[in-house]
All heavy atoms as atom14 arrays in JSON, in Angstrom:
{
  "sequence": "SPWSDTASFELGLVRPFGLPGYTDWQARSIRSGVRGTRLEGAPAPF",
  "atom14_mask": [
    [1, 1, 1, 1, 1, 1, 0, 0, 0, 0, 0, 0, 0, 0],
    [1, 1, 1, 1, 1, 1, 1, 0, 0, 0, 0, 0, 0, 0],
    [1, 1, 1, 1, 1, 1, 1, 1, 1, 1, 1, 1, 1, 1],
    [1, 1, 1, 1, 1, 1, 0, 0, 0, 0, 0, 0, 0, 0],
    [1, 1, 1, 1, 1, 1, 1, 1, 0, 0, 0, 0, 0, 0],
    [1, 1, 1, 1, 1, 1, 1, 0, 0, 0, 0, 0, 0, 0],
    [1, 1, 1, 1, 1, 0, 0, 0, 0, 0, 0, 0, 0, 0],
    [1, 1, 1, 1, 1, 1, 0, 0, 0, 0, 0, 0, 0, 0],
    [1, 1, 1, 1, 1, 1, 1, 1, 1, 1, 1, 0, 0, 0],
    [1, 1, 1, 1, 1, 1, 1, 1, 1, 0, 0, 0, 0, 0],
    [1, 1, 1, 1, 1, 1, 1, 1, 0, 0, 0, 0, 0, 0],
    [1, 1, 1, 1, 0, 0, 0, 0, 0, 0, 0, 0, 0, 0],
    [1, 1, 1, 1, 1, 1, 1, 1, 0, 0, 0, 0, 0, 0],
    [1, 1, 1, 1, 1, 1, 1, 0, 0, 0, 0, 0, 0, 0],
    [1, 1, 1, 1, 1, 1, 1, 1, 1, 1, 1, 0, 0, 0],
    [1, 1, 1, 1, 1, 1, 1, 0, 0, 0, 0, 0, 0, 0],
    [1, 1, 1, 1, 1, 1, 1, 1, 1, 1, 1, 0, 0, 0],
    [1, 1, 1, 1, 0, 0, 0, 0, 0, 0, 0, 0, 0, 0],
    [1, 1, 1, 1, 1, 1, 1, 1, 0, 0, 0, 0, 0, 0],
    [1, 1, 1, 1, 1, 1, 1, 0, 0, 0, 0, 0, 0, 0],
    [1, 1, 1, 1, 0, 0, 0, 0, 0, 0, 0, 0, 0, 0],
    [1, 1, 1, 1, 1, 1, 1, 1, 1, 1, 1, 1, 0, 0],
    [1, 1, 1, 1, 1, 1, 1, 0, 0, 0, 0, 0, 0, 0],
    [1, 1, 1, 1, 1, 1, 1, 1, 0, 0, 0, 0, 0, 0],
    [1, 1, 1, 1, 1, 1, 1, 1, 1, 1, 1, 1, 1, 1],
    [1, 1, 1, 1, 1, 1, 1, 1, 1, 0, 0, 0, 0, 0],
    [1, 1, 1, 1, 1, 0, 0, 0, 0, 0, 0, 0, 0, 0],
    [1, 1, 1, 1, 1, 1, 1, 1, 1, 1, 1, 0, 0, 0],
    [1, 1, 1, 1, 1, 1, 0, 0, 0, 0, 0, 0, 0, 0],
    [1, 1, 1, 1, 1, 1, 1, 1, 0, 0, 0, 0, 0, 0],
    [1, 1, 1, 1, 1, 1, 1, 1, 1, 1, 1, 0, 0, 0],
    [1, 1, 1, 1, 1, 1, 0, 0, 0, 0, 0, 0, 0, 0],
    [1, 1, 1, 1, 0, 0, 0, 0, 0, 0, 0, 0, 0, 0],
    [1, 1, 1, 1, 1, 1, 1, 0, 0, 0, 0, 0, 0, 0],
    [1, 1, 1, 1, 1, 1, 1, 1, 1, 1, 1, 0, 0, 0],
    [1, 1, 1, 1, 0, 0, 0, 0, 0, 0, 0, 0, 0, 0],
    [1, 1, 1, 1, 1, 1, 1, 0, 0, 0, 0, 0, 0, 0],
    [1, 1, 1, 1, 1, 1, 1, 1, 1, 1, 1, 0, 0, 0],
    [1, 1, 1, 1, 1, 1, 1, 1, 0, 0, 0, 0, 0, 0],
    [1, 1, 1, 1, 1, 1, 1, 1, 1, 0, 0, 0, 0, 0],
    [1, 1, 1, 1, 0, 0, 0, 0, 0, 0, 0, 0, 0, 0],
    [1, 1, 1, 1, 1, 0, 0, 0, 0, 0, 0, 0, 0, 0],
    [1, 1, 1, 1, 1, 1, 1, 0, 0, 0, 0, 0, 0, 0],
    [1, 1, 1, 1, 1, 0, 0, 0, 0, 0, 0, 0, 0, 0],
    [1, 1, 1, 1, 1, 1, 1, 0, 0, 0, 0, 0, 0, 0],
    [1, 1, 1, 1, 1, 1, 1, 1, 1, 1, 1, 0, 0, 0]
  ],
  "atom14_positions": [
    [[-2.14, 75.44, -79.93], [-2.7, 75.5, -78.57], [-2.01, 76.6, -77.78], [-0.95, 77.1, -78.18], [-2.47, 74.16, -77.85], [-1.11, 74.06, -77.45], [0.0, 0.0, 0.0], [0.0, 0.0, 0.0], [0.0, 0.0, 0.0], [0.0, 0.0, 0.0], [0.0, 0.0, 0.0], [0.0, 0.0, 0.0], [0.0, 0.0, 0.0], [0.0, 0.0, 0.0]],
    [[-2.57, 76.99, -76.64], [-1.82, 77.85, -75.72], [-0.59, 77.09, -75.18], [-0.53, 75.86, -75.24], [-2.82, 78.13, -74.6], [-4.16, 77.78, -75.15], [-3.92, 76.69, -76.14], [0.0, 0.0, 0.0], [0.0, 0.0, 0.0], [0.0, 0.0, 0.0], [0.0, 0.0, 0.0], [0.0, 0.0, 0.0], [0.0, 0.0, 0.0], [0.0, 0.0, 0.0]],
    [[0.34, 77.83, -74.66], [1.47, 77.2, -74.0], [1.0, 76.51, -72.72], [0.1, 76.99, -72.04], [2.55, 78.23, -73.66], [3.37, 78.66, -74.84], [3.19, 79.77, -75.6], [4.49, 77.97, -75.39], [4.13, 79.83, -76.6], [4.96, 78.73, -76.49], [5.16, 76.79, -75.08], [6.04, 78.35, -77.27], [6.25, 76.4, -75.84], [6.68, 77.18, -76.92]],
    [[1.64, 75.41, -72.4], [1.31, 74.67, -71.17], [1.75, 75.44, -69.94], [2.48, 76.44, -70.03], [2.02, 73.31, -71.18], [3.42, 73.5, -71.04], [0.0, 0.0, 0.0], [0.0, 0.0, 0.0], [0.0, 0.0, 0.0], [0.0, 0.0, 0.0], [0.0, 0.0, 0.0], [0.0, 0.0, 0.0], [0.0, 0.0, 0.0], [0.0, 0.0, 0.0]],
    [[1.32, 74.96, -68.78], [1.91, 75.44, -67.53], [3.39, 75.07, -67.52], [3.85, 74.21, -68.29], [1.21, 74.81, -66.33], [-0.2, 75.33, -66.15], [-0.5, 76.43, -66.65], [-1.01, 74.61, -65.52], [0.0, 0.0, 0.0], [0.0, 0.0, 0.0], [0.0, 0.0, 0.0], [0.0, 0.0, 0.0], [0.0, 0.0, 0.0], [0.0, 0.0, 0.0]],
    [[4.14, 75.68, -66.63], [5.58, 75.44, -66.56], [5.88, 74.24, -65.66], [5.4, 74.17, -64.53], [6.31, 76.68, -66.02], [6.01, 77.8, -66.86], [7.82, 76.45, -66.0], [0.0, 0.0, 0.0], [0.0, 0.0, 0.0], [0.0, 0.0, 0.0], [0.0, 0.0, 0.0], [0.0, 0.0, 0.0], [0.0, 0.0, 0.0], [0.0, 0.0, 0.0]],
    [[6.65, 73.3, -66.19], [7.12, 72.15, -65.42], [8.62, 72.28, -65.2], [9.27, 73.15, -65.79], [6.79, 70.85, -66.16], [0.0, 0.0, 0.0], [0.0, 0.0, 0.0], [0.0, 0.0, 0.0], [0.0, 0.0, 0.0], [0.0, 0.0, 0.0], [0.0, 0.0, 0.0], [0.0, 0.0, 0.0], [0.0, 0.0, 0.0], [0.0, 0.0, 0.0]],
    [[9.16, 71.41, -64.36], [10.59, 71.51, -64.07], [11.2, 70.12, -63.88], [10.49, 69.14, -63.68], [10.84, 72.36, -62.82], [10.35, 71.71, -61.67], [0.0, 0.0, 0.0], [0.0, 0.0, 0.0], [0.0, 0.0, 0.0], [0.0, 0.0, 0.0], [0.0, 0.0, 0.0], [0.0, 0.0, 0.0], [0.0, 0.0, 0.0], [0.0, 0.0, 0.0]],
    [[12.51, 70.06, -63.94], [13.26, 68.87, -63.53], [14.62, 69.32, -63.04], [15.11, 70.4, -63.42], [13.37, 67.84, -64.66], [14.1, 68.31, -65.9], [15.48, 68.16, -66.04], [13.4, 68.89, -66.95], [16.14, 68.58, -67.18], [14.05, 69.32, -68.1], [15.42, 69.17, -68.22], [0.0, 0.0, 0.0], [0.0, 0.0, 0.0], [0.0, 0.0, 0.0]],
    [[15.21, 68.51, -62.17], [16.51, 68.85, -61.6], [17.4, 67.62, -61.58], [16.95, 66.52, -61.21], [16.34, 69.39, -60.18], [17.65, 69.8, -59.5], [17.41, 70.43, -58.14], [16.55, 71.33, -58.05], [18.08, 70.01, -57.17], [0.0, 0.0, 0.0], [0.0, 0.0, 0.0], [0.0, 0.0, 0.0], [0.0, 0.0, 0.0], [0.0, 0.0, 0.0]],
    [[18.65, 67.8, -61.96], [19.59, 66.69, -61.96], [20.17, 66.47, -60.57], [20.3, 67.41, -59.78], [20.72, 66.93, -62.96], [20.41, 66.47, -64.39], [19.36, 67.37, -65.05], [21.67, 66.41, -65.24], [0.0, 0.0, 0.0], [0.0, 0.0, 0.0], [0.0, 0.0, 0.0], [0.0, 0.0, 0.0], [0.0, 0.0, 0.0], [0.0, 0.0, 0.0]],
    [[20.5, 65.23, -60.28], [21.14, 64.89, -59.02], [22.65, 64.98, -59.15], [23.18, 65.81, -59.89], [0.0, 0.0, 0.0], [0.0, 0.0, 0.0], [0.0, 0.0, 0.0], [0.0, 0.0, 0.0], [0.0, 0.0, 0.0], [0.0, 0.0, 0.0], [0.0, 0.0, 0.0], [0.0, 0.0, 0.0], [0.0, 0.0, 0.0], [0.0, 0.0, 0.0]],
    [[23.35, 64.12, -58.43], [24.82, 64.08, -58.48], [25.21, 63.04, -59.5], [25.28, 61.84, -59.21], [25.37, 63.74, -57.09], [24.92, 64.7, -55.98], [25.56, 64.32, -54.65], [25.23, 66.15, -56.33], [0.0, 0.0, 0.0], [0.0, 0.0, 0.0], [0.0, 0.0, 0.0], [0.0, 0.0, 0.0], [0.0, 0.0, 0.0], [0.0, 0.0, 0.0]],
    [[25.47, 63.5, -60.72], [25.61, 62.58, -61.85], [27.04, 62.09, -62.06], [27.26, 61.14, -62.8], [25.08, 63.21, -63.15], [23.62, 63.56, -63.01], [25.89, 64.46, -63.52], [0.0, 0.0, 0.0], [0.0, 0.0, 0.0], [0.0, 0.0, 0.0], [0.0, 0.0, 0.0], [0.0, 0.0, 0.0], [0.0, 0.0, 0.0], [0.0, 0.0, 0.0]],
    [[28.01, 62.74, -61.41], [29.39, 62.26, -61.56], [29.6, 61.11, -60.58], [29.37, 61.27, -59.39], [30.38, 63.39, -61.33], [30.27, 64.47, -62.39], [31.43, 65.43, -62.37], [31.49, 66.2, -61.13], [32.44, 67.09, -60.86], [33.4, 67.3, -61.73], [32.43, 67.76, -59.72], [0.0, 0.0, 0.0], [0.0, 0.0, 0.0], [0.0, 0.0, 0.0]],
    [[30.04, 59.96, -61.05], [29.99, 58.72, -60.26], [30.75, 58.8, -58.94], [31.74, 59.52, -58.8], [30.6, 57.68, -61.19], [30.47, 58.24, -62.56], [30.57, 59.73, -62.4], [0.0, 0.0, 0.0], [0.0, 0.0, 0.0], [0.0, 0.0, 0.0], [0.0, 0.0, 0.0], [0.0, 0.0, 0.0], [0.0, 0.0, 0.0], [0.0, 0.0, 0.0]],
    [[30.28, 57.99, -57.98], [30.97, 57.84, -56.7], [32.25, 57.03, -56.88], [32.3, 56.09, -57.67], [30.06, 57.12, -55.71], [30.75, 56.7, -54.44], [31.07, 57.64, -53.49], [31.07, 55.38, -54.22], [31.71, 57.27, -52.32], [31.71, 55.0, -53.06], [32.03, 55.94, -52.1], [0.0, 0.0, 0.0], [0.0, 0.0, 0.0], [0.0, 0.0, 0.0]],
    [[33.3, 57.4, -56.15], [34.49, 56.57, -56.1], [35.6, 56.96, -57.04], [36.6, 56.26, -57.15], [0.0, 0.0, 0.0], [0.0, 0.0, 0.0], [0.0, 0.0, 0.0], [0.0, 0.0, 0.0], [0.0, 0.0, 0.0], [0.0, 0.0, 0.0], [0.0, 0.0, 0.0], [0.0, 0.0, 0.0], [0.0, 0.0, 0.0], [0.0, 0.0, 0.0]],
    [[35.46, 58.08, -57.76], [36.52, 58.52, -58.66], [37.12, 59.81, -58.11], [36.54, 60.88, -58.27], [35.97, 58.75, -60.08], [35.37, 57.52, -60.77], [34.84, 57.92, -62.15], [36.4, 56.41, -60.91], [0.0, 0.0, 0.0], [0.0, 0.0, 0.0], [0.0, 0.0, 0.0], [0.0, 0.0, 0.0], [0.0, 0.0, 0.0], [0.0, 0.0, 0.0]],
    [[38.27, 59.76, -57.43], [38.85, 60.95, -56.8], [39.05, 62.08, -57.8], [39.52, 61.87, -58.92], [40.2, 60.42, -56.26], [39.99, 58.95, -56.08], [39.06, 58.54, -57.2], [0.0, 0.0, 0.0], [0.0, 0.0, 0.0], [0.0, 0.0, 0.0], [0.0, 0.0, 0.0], [0.0, 0.0, 0.0], [0.0, 0.0, 0.0], [0.0, 0.0, 0.0]],
    [[38.68, 63.29, -57.38], [38.84, 64.45, -58.23], [37.77, 64.58, -59.3], [37.76, 65.56, -60.05], [0.0, 0.0, 0.0], [0.0, 0.0, 0.0], [0.0, 0.0, 0.0], [0.0, 0.0, 0.0], [0.0, 0.0, 0.0], [0.0, 0.0, 0.0], [0.0, 0.0, 0.0], [0.0, 0.0, 0.0], [0.0, 0.0, 0.0], [0.0, 0.0, 0.0]],
    [[36.86, 63.61, -59.37], [35.83, 63.64, -60.41], [34.43, 63.52, -59.84], [33.5, 64.1, -60.34], [36.09, 62.5, -61.4], [35.07, 62.41, -62.51], [35.06, 63.34, -63.53], [34.13, 61.39, -62.53], [34.13, 63.26, -64.55], [33.19, 61.29, -63.54], [33.2, 62.24, -64.56], [32.27, 62.16, -65.55], [0.0, 0.0, 0.0], [0.0, 0.0, 0.0]],
    [[34.32, 62.76, -58.76], [33.0, 62.5, -58.21], [32.38, 63.72, -57.54], [33.08, 64.61, -57.06], [33.07, 61.35, -57.2], [31.77, 61.07, -56.68], [33.98, 61.7, -56.03], [0.0, 0.0, 0.0], [0.0, 0.0, 0.0], [0.0, 0.0, 0.0], [0.0, 0.0, 0.0], [0.0, 0.0, 0.0], [0.0, 0.0, 0.0], [0.0, 0.0, 0.0]],
    [[31.04, 63.77, -57.53], [30.31, 64.8, -56.8], [30.13, 64.43, -55.34], [29.71, 65.26, -54.54], [28.92, 64.99, -57.41], [28.97, 65.57, -58.81], [29.58, 66.62, -58.99], [28.39, 64.95, -59.72], [0.0, 0.0, 0.0], [0.0, 0.0, 0.0], [0.0, 0.0, 0.0], [0.0, 0.0, 0.0], [0.0, 0.0, 0.0], [0.0, 0.0, 0.0]],
    [[30.43, 63.19, -54.99], [30.14, 62.69, -53.65], [31.33, 62.87, -52.72], [32.43, 62.4, -53.0], [29.77, 61.21, -53.71], [28.47, 60.93, -54.39], [28.29, 60.63, -55.71], [27.18, 60.91, -53.79], [26.95, 60.44, -55.97], [26.25, 60.6, -54.81], [26.71, 61.13, -52.49], [24.88, 60.51, -54.57], [25.35, 61.04, -52.25], [24.45, 60.73, -53.29]],
    [[31.11, 63.55, -51.6], [32.11, 63.61, -50.53], [31.78, 62.6, -49.43], [32.61, 62.37, -48.55], [32.16, 65.02, -49.93], [32.57, 66.11, -50.9], [32.61, 67.47, -50.25], [32.86, 67.6, -49.04], [32.36, 68.51, -51.03], [0.0, 0.0, 0.0], [0.0, 0.0, 0.0], [0.0, 0.0, 0.0], [0.0, 0.0, 0.0], [0.0, 0.0, 0.0]],
    [[30.58, 62.04, -49.47], [30.12, 61.15, -48.41], [30.79, 59.79, -48.49], [31.23, 59.34, -49.56], [28.6, 60.98, -48.52], [0.0, 0.0, 0.0], [0.0, 0.0, 0.0], [0.0, 0.0, 0.0], [0.0, 0.0, 0.0], [0.0, 0.0, 0.0], [0.0, 0.0, 0.0], [0.0, 0.0, 0.0], [0.0, 0.0, 0.0], [0.0, 0.0, 0.0]],
    [[30.85, 59.14, -47.33], [31.17, 57.72, -47.22], [30.12, 57.09, -46.32], [29.47, 57.78, -45.54], [32.57, 57.51, -46.64], [33.69, 57.92, -47.58], [35.05, 57.67, -46.95], [35.24, 56.28, -46.59], [36.34, 55.82, -45.97], [37.29, 56.66, -45.63], [36.46, 54.53, -45.67], [0.0, 0.0, 0.0], [0.0, 0.0, 0.0], [0.0, 0.0, 0.0]],
    [[29.94, 55.8, -46.45], [28.9, 55.17, -45.63], [29.38, 55.04, -44.19], [30.54, 54.79, -43.91], [28.52, 53.81, -46.21], [29.6, 52.9, -46.14], [0.0, 0.0, 0.0], [0.0, 0.0, 0.0], [0.0, 0.0, 0.0], [0.0, 0.0, 0.0], [0.0, 0.0, 0.0], [0.0, 0.0, 0.0], [0.0, 0.0, 0.0], [0.0, 0.0, 0.0]],
    [[28.42, 55.26, -43.25], [28.71, 55.17, -41.82], [27.7, 54.23, -41.18], [26.6, 54.03, -41.7], [28.66, 56.55, -41.14], [27.28, 57.21, -41.35], [29.79, 57.45, -41.65], [27.09, 58.49, -40.58], [0.0, 0.0, 0.0], [0.0, 0.0, 0.0], [0.0, 0.0, 0.0], [0.0, 0.0, 0.0], [0.0, 0.0, 0.0], [0.0, 0.0, 0.0]],
    [[28.07, 53.66, -40.01], [27.18, 52.71, -39.35], [27.51, 52.63, -37.87], [28.53, 53.14, -37.4], [27.32, 51.33, -39.99], [28.72, 50.75, -39.92], [28.84, 49.47, -40.73], [30.18, 48.91, -40.66], [30.58, 47.81, -41.29], [29.72, 47.16, -42.06], [31.81, 47.36, -41.17], [0.0, 0.0, 0.0], [0.0, 0.0, 0.0], [0.0, 0.0, 0.0]],
    [[26.62, 51.98, -37.15], [26.8, 51.72, -35.73], [27.64, 50.46, -35.54], [27.72, 49.61, -36.43], [25.43, 51.55, -35.07], [25.56, 50.97, -33.79], [0.0, 0.0, 0.0], [0.0, 0.0, 0.0], [0.0, 0.0, 0.0], [0.0, 0.0, 0.0], [0.0, 0.0, 0.0], [0.0, 0.0, 0.0], [0.0, 0.0, 0.0], [0.0, 0.0, 0.0]],
    [[28.24, 50.34, -34.35], [28.96, 49.11, -34.04], [28.05, 47.96, -33.64], [28.49, 46.82, -33.52], [0.0, 0.0, 0.0], [0.0, 0.0, 0.0], [0.0, 0.0, 0.0], [0.0, 0.0, 0.0], [0.0, 0.0, 0.0], [0.0, 0.0, 0.0], [0.0, 0.0, 0.0], [0.0, 0.0, 0.0], [0.0, 0.0, 0.0], [0.0, 0.0, 0.0]],
    [[26.76, 48.26, -33.45], [25.79, 47.23, -33.04], [25.43, 46.38, -34.25], [25.15, 46.91, -35.32], [24.54, 47.87, -32.44], [23.5, 46.81, -32.09], [24.9, 48.69, -31.21], [0.0, 0.0, 0.0], [0.0, 0.0, 0.0], [0.0, 0.0, 0.0], [0.0, 0.0, 0.0], [0.0, 0.0, 0.0], [0.0, 0.0, 0.0], [0.0, 0.0, 0.0]],
    [[25.44, 45.07, -34.07], [25.11, 44.19, -35.19], [24.32, 43.0, -34.71], [24.44, 42.56, -33.57], [26.38, 43.73, -35.91], [27.23, 42.74, -35.14], [28.59, 42.57, -35.77], [29.44, 43.72, -35.5], [30.61, 43.93, -36.09], [31.05, 43.09, -37.0], [31.34, 45.0, -35.79], [0.0, 0.0, 0.0], [0.0, 0.0, 0.0], [0.0, 0.0, 0.0]],
    [[23.48, 42.47, -35.59], [22.73, 41.27, -35.3], [23.5, 40.03, -35.72], [24.71, 40.07, -35.94], [0.0, 0.0, 0.0], [0.0, 0.0, 0.0], [0.0, 0.0, 0.0], [0.0, 0.0, 0.0], [0.0, 0.0, 0.0], [0.0, 0.0, 0.0], [0.0, 0.0, 0.0], [0.0, 0.0, 0.0], [0.0, 0.0, 0.0], [0.0, 0.0, 0.0]],
    [[22.77, 38.94, -35.81], [23.37, 37.68, -36.24], [22.59, 37.15, -37.43], [21.66, 37.77, -37.93], [23.31, 36.64, -35.1], [21.92, 36.27, -34.87], [23.88, 37.21, -33.8], [0.0, 0.0, 0.0], [0.0, 0.0, 0.0], [0.0, 0.0, 0.0], [0.0, 0.0, 0.0], [0.0, 0.0, 0.0], [0.0, 0.0, 0.0], [0.0, 0.0, 0.0]],
    [[22.97, 35.97, -37.88], [22.25, 35.33, -38.98], [20.84, 34.93, -38.57], [19.99, 34.68, -39.42], [23.02, 34.1, -39.45], [24.33, 34.38, -40.15], [24.1, 34.77, -41.58], [23.53, 33.67, -42.36], [23.11, 33.77, -43.62], [23.17, 34.94, -44.23], [22.6, 32.73, -44.24], [0.0, 0.0, 0.0], [0.0, 0.0, 0.0], [0.0, 0.0, 0.0]],
    [[20.6, 34.9, -37.25], [19.3, 34.45, -36.76], [18.47, 35.58, -36.15], [17.25, 35.55, -36.23], [19.48, 33.33, -35.73], [20.18, 32.06, -36.22], [20.37, 31.09, -35.07], [19.39, 31.42, -37.35], [0.0, 0.0, 0.0], [0.0, 0.0, 0.0], [0.0, 0.0, 0.0], [0.0, 0.0, 0.0], [0.0, 0.0, 0.0], [0.0, 0.0, 0.0]],
    [[19.12, 36.56, -35.53], [18.39, 37.6, -34.81], [18.89, 38.99, -35.17], [20.09, 39.17, -35.45], [18.54, 37.4, -33.29], [17.92, 36.1, -32.77], [18.05, 35.98, -31.27], [18.79, 36.8, -30.68], [17.4, 35.1, -30.69], [0.0, 0.0, 0.0], [0.0, 0.0, 0.0], [0.0, 0.0, 0.0], [0.0, 0.0, 0.0], [0.0, 0.0, 0.0]],
    [[17.97, 39.95, -35.12], [18.32, 41.32, -35.39], [18.89, 42.02, -34.17], [18.97, 41.46, -33.07], [0.0, 0.0, 0.0], [0.0, 0.0, 0.0], [0.0, 0.0, 0.0], [0.0, 0.0, 0.0], [0.0, 0.0, 0.0], [0.0, 0.0, 0.0], [0.0, 0.0, 0.0], [0.0, 0.0, 0.0], [0.0, 0.0, 0.0], [0.0, 0.0, 0.0]],
    [[19.29, 43.27, -34.37], [19.86, 44.09, -33.31], [19.04, 45.38, -33.21], [18.27, 45.71, -34.11], [21.32, 44.41, -33.62], [0.0, 0.0, 0.0], [0.0, 0.0, 0.0], [0.0, 0.0, 0.0], [0.0, 0.0, 0.0], [0.0, 0.0, 0.0], [0.0, 0.0, 0.0], [0.0, 0.0, 0.0], [0.0, 0.0, 0.0], [0.0, 0.0, 0.0]],
    [[19.18, 46.14, -32.12], [18.49, 47.43, -32.03], [18.83, 48.34, -33.19], [19.96, 48.35, -33.69], [19.01, 47.99, -30.7], [19.36, 46.8, -29.89], [19.91, 45.8, -30.88], [0.0, 0.0, 0.0], [0.0, 0.0, 0.0], [0.0, 0.0, 0.0], [0.0, 0.0, 0.0], [0.0, 0.0, 0.0], [0.0, 0.0, 0.0], [0.0, 0.0, 0.0]],
    [[17.84, 49.11, -33.63], [18.04, 50.02, -34.76], [18.96, 51.17, -34.37], [18.74, 51.81, -33.33], [16.69, 50.56, -35.23], [0.0, 0.0, 0.0], [0.0, 0.0, 0.0], [0.0, 0.0, 0.0], [0.0, 0.0, 0.0], [0.0, 0.0, 0.0], [0.0, 0.0, 0.0], [0.0, 0.0, 0.0], [0.0, 0.0, 0.0], [0.0, 0.0, 0.0]],
    [[19.98, 51.46, -35.15], [20.87, 52.58, -34.84], [20.21, 53.93, -35.08], [19.49, 54.13, -36.06], [22.04, 52.38, -35.83], [21.9, 51.0, -36.35], [20.45, 50.68, -36.31], [0.0, 0.0, 0.0], [0.0, 0.0, 0.0], [0.0, 0.0, 0.0], [0.0, 0.0, 0.0], [0.0, 0.0, 0.0], [0.0, 0.0, 0.0], [0.0, 0.0, 0.0]],
    [[20.44, 54.86, -34.16], [20.11, 56.27, -34.33], [21.43, 56.99, -34.6], [22.42, 56.76, -33.89], [19.45, 56.84, -33.08], [18.01, 56.44, -32.9], [17.65, 55.12, -32.72], [17.01, 57.42, -32.91], [16.32, 54.76, -32.55], [15.67, 57.07, -32.75], [15.32, 55.73, -32.57], [0.0, 0.0, 0.0], [0.0, 0.0, 0.0], [0.0, 0.0, 0.0]]
  ]
}
């Protein structure tokens, strides 16, 4: 057959989070101080 059209793929950050000197991740999780309860929600953080 003729050659197909060209497709692609790209890898993400494959070195695991949480291993100093090895991980690709510099991020840590962040959040607002606003919180709901077991019964009611809170305003959505921006």
